[in-house]
Amino acid sequence: MRAANRPPLAVLALSSLTLLFAAAARADDPAVTAVDTPSLARDGEVRASDGPAAIPSVAAADSDAPRQSGAALAEPPAGVAPRRAEPLPAPVDEDPPWDGPRVELGYTHYSLGDGFGGGAVHAVSFGGYLPTGQLRLGLIGDGGARDYALGGGDAVLRATLVAGWQGVGLVDYVMPYVVAVASCGVVVGQRFATTFADALLGLGVEVGFEVNPVRTLHFGASLAHVRADLDGLGYGLWVLRLFVGL
């Protein structure tokens, strides 16, 4: 009777295989494994029972972290006084423009005919101008010798007042000008043992230019046409002047 109630060996083997397959299936299921795995994590840690969704990604952690602006990073630590940036010194012009009067030394040539083929005048000039912008205002003095064909030369002294326009800043390094000139002077000489001194007066127009390569150093040339009177004789003078100055 006992042998009749025992299950066959085939049934036992089939039951054992069924249990093994079921256990293997449960082991492969992550949800079942997460439920069955005891939680050993402490507070603040990710538990296996929470599943994969509970594990934050690195990108999410970076996005949730508080960000500091550049101004906040530049702030000094607490208790440290901020350091103020010192203002930069104002640029200093090492070579400021000269705003005073300008002076010049030059050579002047014109002719006071003596009626015998002579009368050329060669003179040294010295003058200056005031710093009056577009207005050219100055005084020039010259002294030299006049050639006399029949005897010794004459001495000539003149003072010339100039006033007019000058093109300051019109062209780089070059300044043209146009001025009116008024001159007065004296011619001193000797004729047949007789010494004379005749007044020389003139009025005219002068045009010229200056080249200013560095600071106040300049050189230039001018040509003037002057109606002059010498002892009652009238002259139409072409006065050439070359000069250099500061």
C-alpha atoms as a PDB file:
ATOM      1  CA  MET A   1       0.000   0.000   0.000  1.00  0.00           C
ATOM      2  CA  ARG A   2       2.824   2.420   0.873  1.00  0.00           C
ATOM      3  CA  ALA A   3       4.479   1.809  -2.485  1.00  0.00           C
ATOM      4  CA  ALA A   4       1.244   2.608  -4.217  1.00  0.00           C
ATOM      5  CA  ASN A   5       0.894   6.045  -2.499  1.00  0.00           C
ATOM      6  CA  ARG A   6       4.423   7.301  -3.381  1.00  0.00           C
ATOM      7  CA  PRO A   7       4.645   9.672  -6.401  1.00  0.00           C
ATOM      8  CA  PRO A   8       6.565   8.430  -9.330  1.00  0.00           C
ATOM      9  CA  LEU A   9      10.173   9.549  -9.768  1.00  0.00           C
ATOM     10  CA  ALA A  10       9.323  11.316 -13.006  1.00  0.00           C
ATOM     11  CA  VAL A  11       6.845  13.571 -11.224  1.00  0.00           C
ATOM     12  CA  LEU A  12       9.429  14.472  -8.593  1.00  0.00           C
ATOM     13  CA  ALA A  13      12.042  15.292 -11.226  1.00  0.00           C
ATOM     14  CA  LEU A  14       9.604  17.461 -13.188  1.00  0.00           C
ATOM     15  CA  SER A  15       8.594  19.343 -10.039  1.00  0.00           C
ATOM     16  CA  SER A  16      12.249  20.011  -9.173  1.00  0.00           C
ATOM     17  CA  LEU A  17      12.980  21.410 -12.632  1.00  0.00           C
ATOM     18  CA  THR A  18       9.921  23.663 -12.459  1.00  0.00           C
ATOM     19  CA  LEU A  19      11.079  25.139  -9.126  1.00  0.00           C
ATOM     20  CA  LEU A  20      14.597  25.739 -10.490  1.00  0.00           C
ATOM     21  CA  PHE A  21      13.282  27.561 -13.582  1.00  0.00           C
ATOM     22  CA  ALA A  22      11.021  29.707 -11.418  1.00  0.00           C
ATOM     23  CA  ALA A  23      13.920  30.672  -9.137  1.00  0.00           C
ATOM     24  CA  ALA A  24      16.091  31.564 -12.088  1.00  0.00           C
ATOM     25  CA  ALA A  25      13.333  33.760 -13.536  1.00  0.00           C
ATOM     26  CA  ARG A  26      12.898  35.569 -10.237  1.00  0.00           C
ATOM     27  CA  ALA A  27      16.653  36.196 -10.051  1.00  0.00           C
ATOM     28  CA  ASP A  28      16.666  37.781 -13.550  1.00  0.00           C
ATOM     29  CA  ASP A  29      13.752  40.149 -12.763  1.00  0.00           C
ATOM     30  CA  PRO A  30      15.278  43.515 -11.429  1.00  0.00           C
ATOM     31  CA  ALA A  31      12.037  44.554  -9.766  1.00  0.00           C
ATOM     32  CA  VAL A  32      11.832  41.296  -7.833  1.00  0.00           C
ATOM     33  CA  THR A  33      15.528  41.472  -6.985  1.00  0.00           C
ATOM     34  CA  ALA A  34      15.132  45.056  -5.746  1.00  0.00           C
ATOM     35  CA  VAL A  35      12.208  44.086  -3.537  1.00  0.00           C
ATOM     36  CA  ASP A  36      13.912  41.023  -2.170  1.00  0.00           C
ATOM     37  CA  THR A  37      17.337  42.640  -1.668  1.00  0.00           C
ATOM     38  CA  PRO A  38      17.634  43.987   1.854  1.00  0.00           C
ATOM     39  CA  SER A  39      18.289  47.722   2.017  1.00  0.00           C
ATOM     40  CA  LEU A  40      21.624  48.403   3.670  1.00  0.00           C
ATOM     41  CA  ALA A  41      21.764  52.130   2.727  1.00  0.00           C
ATOM     42  CA  ARG A  42      21.648  54.883   5.330  1.00  0.00           C
ATOM     43  CA  ASP A  43      19.710  58.147   5.166  1.00  0.00           C
ATOM     44  CA  GLY A  44      20.685  60.310   2.182  1.00  0.00           C
ATOM     45  CA  GLU A  45      21.991  57.341   0.150  1.00  0.00           C
ATOM     46  CA  VAL A  46      20.383  55.686  -2.795  1.00  0.00           C
ATOM     47  CA  ARG A  47      18.706  52.395  -1.939  1.00  0.00           C
ATOM     48  CA  ALA A  48      18.576  49.482  -4.307  1.00  0.00           C
ATOM     49  CA  SER A  49      14.853  49.185  -3.643  1.00  0.00           C
ATOM     50  CA  ASP A  50      14.348  52.639  -5.198  1.00  0.00           C
ATOM     51  CA  GLY A  51      15.260  51.283  -8.615  1.00  0.00           C
ATOM     52  CA  PRO A  52      17.505  52.735 -11.342  1.00  0.00           C
ATOM     53  CA  ALA A  53      15.409  55.895 -11.645  1.00  0.00           C
ATOM     54  CA  ALA A  54      16.489  56.940  -8.158  1.00  0.00           C
ATOM     55  CA  ILE A  55      20.182  57.196  -9.175  1.00  0.00           C
ATOM     56  CA  PRO A  56      20.832  60.827 -10.277  1.00  0.00           C
ATOM     57  CA  SER A  57      22.956  61.365 -13.349  1.00  0.00           C
ATOM     58  CA  VAL A  58      26.079  63.507 -13.340  1.00  0.00           C
ATOM     59  CA  ALA A  59      24.440  66.054 -15.664  1.00  0.00           C
ATOM     60  CA  ALA A  60      21.445  66.360 -13.315  1.00  0.00           C
ATOM     61  CA  ALA A  61      23.756  66.862 -10.338  1.00  0.00           C
ATOM     62  CA  ASP A  62      25.622  69.567 -12.178  1.00  0.00           C
ATOM     63  CA  SER A  63      22.428  71.320 -13.206  1.00  0.00           C
ATOM     64  CA  ASP A  64      21.042  71.242  -9.652  1.00  0.00           C
ATOM     65  CA  ALA A  65      24.259  72.549  -8.062  1.00  0.00           C
ATOM     66  CA  PRO A  66      24.158  76.278  -7.214  1.00  0.00           C
ATOM     67  CA  ARG A  67      26.059  78.394  -9.697  1.00  0.00           C
ATOM     68  CA  GLN A  68      28.085  81.497  -8.785  1.00  0.00           C
ATOM     69  CA  SER A  69      28.382  84.488 -11.063  1.00  0.00           C
ATOM     70  CA  GLY A  70      31.704  86.050 -12.020  1.00  0.00           C
ATOM     71  CA  ALA A  71      30.993  88.964  -9.696  1.00  0.00           C
ATOM     72  CA  ALA A  72      30.429  86.578  -6.769  1.00  0.00           C
ATOM     73  CA  LEU A  73      33.667  84.731  -7.498  1.00  0.00           C
ATOM     74  CA  ALA A  74      35.515  88.069  -7.638  1.00  0.00           C
ATOM     75  CA  GLU A  75      34.273  89.114  -4.202  1.00  0.00           C
ATOM     76  CA  PRO A  76      36.898  88.826  -1.458  1.00  0.00           C
ATOM     77  CA  PRO A  77      36.353  86.444   1.460  1.00  0.00           C
ATOM     78  CA  ALA A  78      34.420  87.629   4.469  1.00  0.00           C
ATOM     79  CA  GLY A  79      36.434  89.899   6.733  1.00  0.00           C
ATOM     80  CA  VAL A  80      38.820  90.993   3.964  1.00  0.00           C
ATOM     81  CA  ALA A  81      38.493  94.582   2.746  1.00  0.00           C
ATOM     82  CA  PRO A  82      38.005  94.827  -1.025  1.00  0.00           C
ATOM     83  CA  ARG A  83      40.971  96.195  -2.924  1.00  0.00           C
ATOM     84  CA  ARG A  84      40.096  99.158  -5.059  1.00  0.00           C
ATOM     85  CA  ALA A  85      41.725  99.468  -8.440  1.00  0.00           C
ATOM     86  CA  GLU A  86      43.935 102.523  -8.592  1.00  0.00           C
ATOM     87  CA  PRO A  87      43.056 104.884 -11.465  1.00  0.00           C
ATOM     88  CA  LEU A  88      45.556 105.003 -14.285  1.00  0.00           C
ATOM     89  CA  PRO A  89      47.574 108.221 -14.453  1.00  0.00           C
ATOM     90  CA  ALA A  90      46.527 110.651 -17.116  1.00  0.00           C
ATOM     91  CA  PRO A  91      48.709 110.488 -20.227  1.00  0.00           C
ATOM     92  CA  VAL A  92      51.367 113.157 -20.260  1.00  0.00           C
ATOM     93  CA  ASP A  93      52.269 114.811 -23.496  1.00  0.00           C
ATOM     94  CA  GLU A  94      56.039 114.626 -23.525  1.00  0.00           C
ATOM     95  CA  ASP A  95      56.270 117.167 -26.301  1.00  0.00           C
ATOM     96  CA  PRO A  96      53.486 119.752 -25.816  1.00  0.00           C
ATOM     97  CA  PRO A  97      52.996 122.285 -28.569  1.00  0.00           C
ATOM     98  CA  TRP A  98      54.691 125.635 -28.069  1.00  0.00           C
ATOM     99  CA  ASP A  99      52.132 128.386 -27.596  1.00  0.00           C
ATOM    100  CA  GLY A 100      54.539 131.295 -27.287  1.00  0.00           C
ATOM    101  CA  PRO A 101      55.929 133.678 -29.899  1.00  0.00           C
ATOM    102  CA  ARG A 102      57.987 132.275 -32.747  1.00  0.00           C
ATOM    103  CA  VAL A 103      61.247 133.794 -33.922  1.00  0.00           C
ATOM    104  CA  GLU A 104      63.187 133.359 -37.122  1.00  0.00           C
ATOM    105  CA  LEU A 105      66.449 134.300 -38.787  1.00  0.00           C
ATOM    106  CA  GLY A 106      66.608 134.805 -42.528  1.00  0.00           C
ATOM    107  CA  TYR A 107      68.143 136.226 -45.668  1.00  0.00           C
ATOM    108  CA  THR A 108      66.455 139.027 -47.650  1.00  0.00           C
ATOM    109  CA  HIS A 109      67.166 140.150 -51.179  1.00  0.00           C
ATOM    110  CA  TYR A 110      65.704 142.988 -53.272  1.00  0.00           C
ATOM    111  CA  SER A 111      66.989 145.740 -55.527  1.00  0.00           C
ATOM    112  CA  LEU A 112      66.994 149.533 -55.233  1.00  0.00           C
ATOM    113  CA  GLY A 113      68.350 150.525 -58.651  1.00  0.00           C
ATOM    114  CA  ASP A 114      70.921 153.313 -58.688  1.00  0.00           C
ATOM    115  CA  GLY A 115      70.502 154.084 -62.391  1.00  0.00           C
ATOM    116  CA  PHE A 116      73.920 152.674 -63.266  1.00  0.00           C
ATOM    117  CA  GLY A 117      73.224 148.952 -63.102  1.00  0.00           C
ATOM    118  CA  GLY A 118      73.721 148.615 -59.346  1.00  0.00           C
ATOM    119  CA  GLY A 119      71.417 148.703 -56.352  1.00  0.00           C
ATOM    120  CA  ALA A 120      71.124 145.027 -55.291  1.00  0.00           C
ATOM    121  CA  VAL A 121      70.461 144.680 -51.563  1.00  0.00           C
ATOM    122  CA  HIS A 122      71.579 141.672 -49.523  1.00  0.00           C
ATOM    123  CA  ALA A 123      70.406 141.717 -45.910  1.00  0.00           C
ATOM    124  CA  VAL A 124      70.111 139.570 -42.818  1.00  0.00           C
ATOM    125  CA  SER A 125      66.667 139.550 -41.215  1.00  0.00           C
ATOM    126  CA  PHE A 126      65.405 138.742 -37.753  1.00  0.00           C
ATOM    127  CA  GLY A 127      61.773 138.684 -36.705  1.00  0.00           C
ATOM    128  CA  GLY A 128      59.023 137.091 -34.691  1.00  0.00           C
ATOM    129  CA  TYR A 129      55.301 136.355 -34.646  1.00  0.00           C
ATOM    130  CA  LEU A 130      52.670 136.302 -31.941  1.00  0.00           C
ATOM    131  CA  PRO A 131      50.635 133.089 -31.247  1.00  0.00           C
ATOM    132  CA  THR A 132      47.390 134.450 -32.661  1.00  0.00           C
ATOM    133  CA  GLY A 133      46.023 131.384 -34.476  1.00  0.00           C
ATOM    134  CA  GLN A 134      44.810 132.125 -38.003  1.00  0.00           C
ATOM    135  CA  LEU A 135      45.907 135.754 -37.652  1.00  0.00           C
ATOM    136  CA  ARG A 136      49.540 136.225 -38.596  1.00  0.00           C
ATOM    137  CA  LEU A 137      50.932 139.264 -36.789  1.00  0.00           C
ATOM    138  CA  GLY A 138      54.628 139.987 -36.508  1.00  0.00           C
ATOM    139  CA  LEU A 139      57.551 142.306 -36.914  1.00  0.00           C
ATOM    140  CA  ILE A 140      60.684 141.769 -39.019  1.00  0.00           C
ATOM    141  CA  GLY A 141      63.856 143.800 -39.045  1.00  0.00           C
ATOM    142  CA  ASP A 142      66.610 143.512 -41.651  1.00  0.00           C
ATOM    143  CA  GLY A 143      69.917 145.149 -42.252  1.00  0.00           C
ATOM    144  CA  GLY A 144      72.393 144.835 -45.075  1.00  0.00           C
ATOM    145  CA  ALA A 145      74.291 146.511 -47.854  1.00  0.00           C
ATOM    146  CA  ARG A 146      73.210 148.053 -51.129  1.00  0.00           C
ATOM    147  CA  ASP A 147      75.564 147.829 -54.057  1.00  0.00           C
ATOM    148  CA  TYR A 148      76.393 151.155 -55.708  1.00  0.00           C
ATOM    149  CA  ALA A 149      77.919 150.928 -59.178  1.00  0.00           C
ATOM    150  CA  LEU A 150      79.976 154.179 -58.986  1.00  0.00           C
ATOM    151  CA  GLY A 151      81.348 153.924 -55.504  1.00  0.00           C
ATOM    152  CA  GLY A 152      81.151 152.325 -52.113  1.00  0.00           C
ATOM    153  CA  GLY A 153      78.021 150.528 -51.049  1.00  0.00           C
ATOM    154  CA  ASP A 154      75.233 151.917 -48.904  1.00  0.00           C
ATOM    155  CA  ALA A 155      73.872 150.592 -45.626  1.00  0.00           C
ATOM    156  CA  VAL A 156      70.187 149.735 -45.510  1.00  0.00           C
ATOM    157  CA  LEU A 157      68.105 149.227 -42.389  1.00  0.00           C
ATOM    158  CA  ARG A 158      64.390 148.367 -42.440  1.00  0.00           C
ATOM    159  CA  ALA A 159      61.581 147.386 -40.102  1.00  0.00           C
ATOM    160  CA  THR A 160      58.537 145.633 -41.547  1.00  0.00           C
ATOM    161  CA  LEU A 161      55.171 145.082 -39.899  1.00  0.00           C
ATOM    162  CA  VAL A 162      53.193 142.091 -41.230  1.00  0.00           C
ATOM    163  CA  ALA A 163      49.535 141.279 -40.625  1.00  0.00           C
ATOM    164  CA  GLY A 164      47.251 138.825 -42.383  1.00  0.00           C
ATOM    165  CA  TRP A 165      46.089 135.226 -42.645  1.00  0.00           C
ATOM    166  CA  GLN A 166      47.946 131.964 -42.049  1.00  0.00           C
ATOM    167  CA  GLY A 167      46.625 128.449 -42.632  1.00  0.00           C
ATOM    168  CA  VAL A 168      47.265 126.849 -39.244  1.00  0.00           C
ATOM    169  CA  GLY A 169      46.462 123.105 -39.481  1.00  0.00           C
ATOM    170  CA  LEU A 170      45.331 123.427 -43.084  1.00  0.00           C
ATOM    171  CA  VAL A 171      48.008 121.052 -44.395  1.00  0.00           C
ATOM    172  CA  ASP A 172      50.176 118.700 -42.344  1.00  0.00           C
ATOM    173  CA  TYR A 173      53.641 120.156 -41.690  1.00  0.00           C
ATOM    174  CA  VAL A 174      53.066 123.045 -44.131  1.00  0.00           C
ATOM    175  CA  MET A 175      51.502 126.425 -43.334  1.00  0.00           C
ATOM    176  CA  PRO A 176      50.802 128.900 -46.145  1.00  0.00           C
ATOM    177  CA  TYR A 177      50.144 132.536 -45.416  1.00  0.00           C
ATOM    178  CA  VAL A 178      49.179 135.811 -47.094  1.00  0.00           C
ATOM    179  CA  VAL A 179      49.912 139.104 -45.334  1.00  0.00           C
ATOM    180  CA  ALA A 180      50.030 142.826 -45.907  1.00  0.00           C
ATOM    181  CA  VAL A 181      53.396 144.438 -45.228  1.00  0.00           C
ATOM    182  CA  ALA A 182      54.268 147.992 -44.245  1.00  0.00           C
ATOM    183  CA  SER A 183      57.919 148.952 -43.966  1.00  0.00           C
ATOM    184  CA  CYS A 184      59.995 151.921 -43.035  1.00  0.00           C
ATOM    185  CA  GLY A 185      63.750 152.308 -42.984  1.00  0.00           C
ATOM    186  CA  VAL A 186      66.758 154.303 -43.927  1.00  0.00           C
ATOM    187  CA  VAL A 187      69.501 154.158 -46.544  1.00  0.00           C
ATOM    188  CA  VAL A 188      72.821 155.628 -45.448  1.00  0.00           C
ATOM    189  CA  GLY A 189      75.614 156.299 -47.955  1.00  0.00           C
ATOM    190  CA  GLN A 190      78.191 158.714 -49.293  1.00  0.00           C
ATOM    191  CA  ARG A 191      78.258 160.573 -52.597  1.00  0.00           C
ATOM    192  CA  PHE A 192      81.327 162.663 -53.487  1.00  0.00           C
ATOM    193  CA  ALA A 193      82.419 162.977 -49.852  1.00  0.00           C
ATOM    194  CA  THR A 194      78.906 163.882 -48.797  1.00  0.00           C
ATOM    195  CA  THR A 195      77.081 161.565 -46.406  1.00  0.00           C
ATOM    196  CA  PHE A 196      73.349 161.185 -46.788  1.00  0.00           C
ATOM    197  CA  ALA A 197      70.536 159.311 -45.023  1.00  0.00           C
ATOM    198  CA  ASP A 198      67.332 158.874 -47.003  1.00  0.00           C
ATOM    199  CA  ALA A 199      64.062 157.466 -45.709  1.00  0.00           C
ATOM    200  CA  LEU A 200      62.785 154.266 -47.283  1.00  0.00           C
ATOM    201  CA  LEU A 201      59.048 153.622 -47.044  1.00  0.00           C
ATOM    202  CA  GLY A 202      57.059 150.773 -48.515  1.00  0.00           C
ATOM    203  CA  LEU A 203      53.668 149.098 -48.636  1.00  0.00           C
ATOM    204  CA  GLY A 204      52.773 145.792 -50.273  1.00  0.00           C
ATOM    205  CA  VAL A 205      51.626 142.178 -50.118  1.00  0.00           C
ATOM    206  CA  GLU A 206      53.614 139.072 -49.201  1.00  0.00           C
ATOM    207  CA  VAL A 207      52.841 135.400 -49.798  1.00  0.00           C
ATOM    208  CA  GLY A 208      54.846 132.532 -48.372  1.00  0.00           C
ATOM    209  CA  PHE A 209      54.874 129.214 -46.582  1.00  0.00           C
ATOM    210  CA  GLU A 210      56.456 127.513 -43.604  1.00  0.00           C
ATOM    211  CA  VAL A 211      57.457 123.861 -43.257  1.00  0.00           C
ATOM    212  CA  ASN A 212      57.267 122.592 -39.681  1.00  0.00           C
ATOM    213  CA  PRO A 213      58.940 119.129 -39.476  1.00  0.00           C
ATOM    214  CA  VAL A 214      59.266 118.891 -35.670  1.00  0.00           C
ATOM    215  CA  ARG A 215      57.640 120.881 -32.908  1.00  0.00           C
ATOM    216  CA  THR A 216      58.446 124.605 -33.476  1.00  0.00           C
ATOM    217  CA  LEU A 217      61.393 124.152 -35.815  1.00  0.00           C
ATOM    218  CA  HIS A 218      60.373 125.619 -39.153  1.00  0.00           C
ATOM    219  CA  PHE A 219      61.810 126.951 -42.376  1.00  0.00           C
ATOM    220  CA  GLY A 220      60.245 128.614 -45.342  1.00  0.00           C
ATOM    221  CA  ALA A 221      60.291 131.245 -48.039  1.00  0.00           C
ATOM    222  CA  SER A 222      58.259 134.268 -49.070  1.00  0.00           C
ATOM    223  CA  LEU A 223      57.954 136.678 -51.953  1.00  0.00           C
ATOM    224  CA  ALA A 224      56.582 140.186 -51.547  1.00  0.00           C
ATOM    225  CA  HIS A 225      55.765 142.956 -53.960  1.00  0.00           C
ATOM    226  CA  VAL A 226      56.306 146.351 -52.344  1.00  0.00           C
ATOM    227  CA  ARG A 227      55.769 149.852 -53.654  1.00  0.00           C
ATOM    228  CA  ALA A 228      58.646 151.762 -52.084  1.00  0.00           C
ATOM    229  CA  ASP A 229      59.714 155.378 -51.990  1.00  0.00           C
ATOM    230  CA  LEU A 230      63.352 156.495 -51.545  1.00  0.00           C
ATOM    231  CA  ASP A 231      64.090 160.183 -51.513  1.00  0.00           C
ATOM    232  CA  GLY A 232      61.168 160.918 -53.817  1.00  0.00           C
ATOM    233  CA  LEU A 233      61.975 158.065 -56.197  1.00  0.00           C
ATOM    234  CA  GLY A 234      59.440 155.284 -56.586  1.00  0.00           C
ATOM    235  CA  TYR A 235      60.405 151.621 -56.785  1.00  0.00           C
ATOM    236  CA  GLY A 236      58.491 148.461 -57.419  1.00  0.00           C
ATOM    237  CA  LEU A 237      60.390 145.964 -55.282  1.00  0.00           C
ATOM    238  CA  TRP A 238      60.264 142.193 -55.435  1.00  0.00           C
ATOM    239  CA  VAL A 239      61.469 141.089 -52.019  1.00  0.00           C
ATOM    240  CA  LEU A 240      62.646 137.492 -51.616  1.00  0.00           C
ATOM    241  CA  ARG A 241      63.107 136.126 -48.125  1.00  0.00           C
ATOM    242  CA  LEU A 242      64.409 132.746 -46.937  1.00  0.00           C
ATOM    243  CA  PHE A 243      64.191 131.941 -43.242  1.00  0.00           C
ATOM    244  CA  VAL A 244      64.529 129.332 -40.515  1.00  0.00           C
ATOM    245  CA  GLY A 245      63.216 129.631 -36.984  1.00  0.00           C
ATOM    246  CA  LEU A 246      61.829 128.168 -33.780  1.00  0.00           C
END
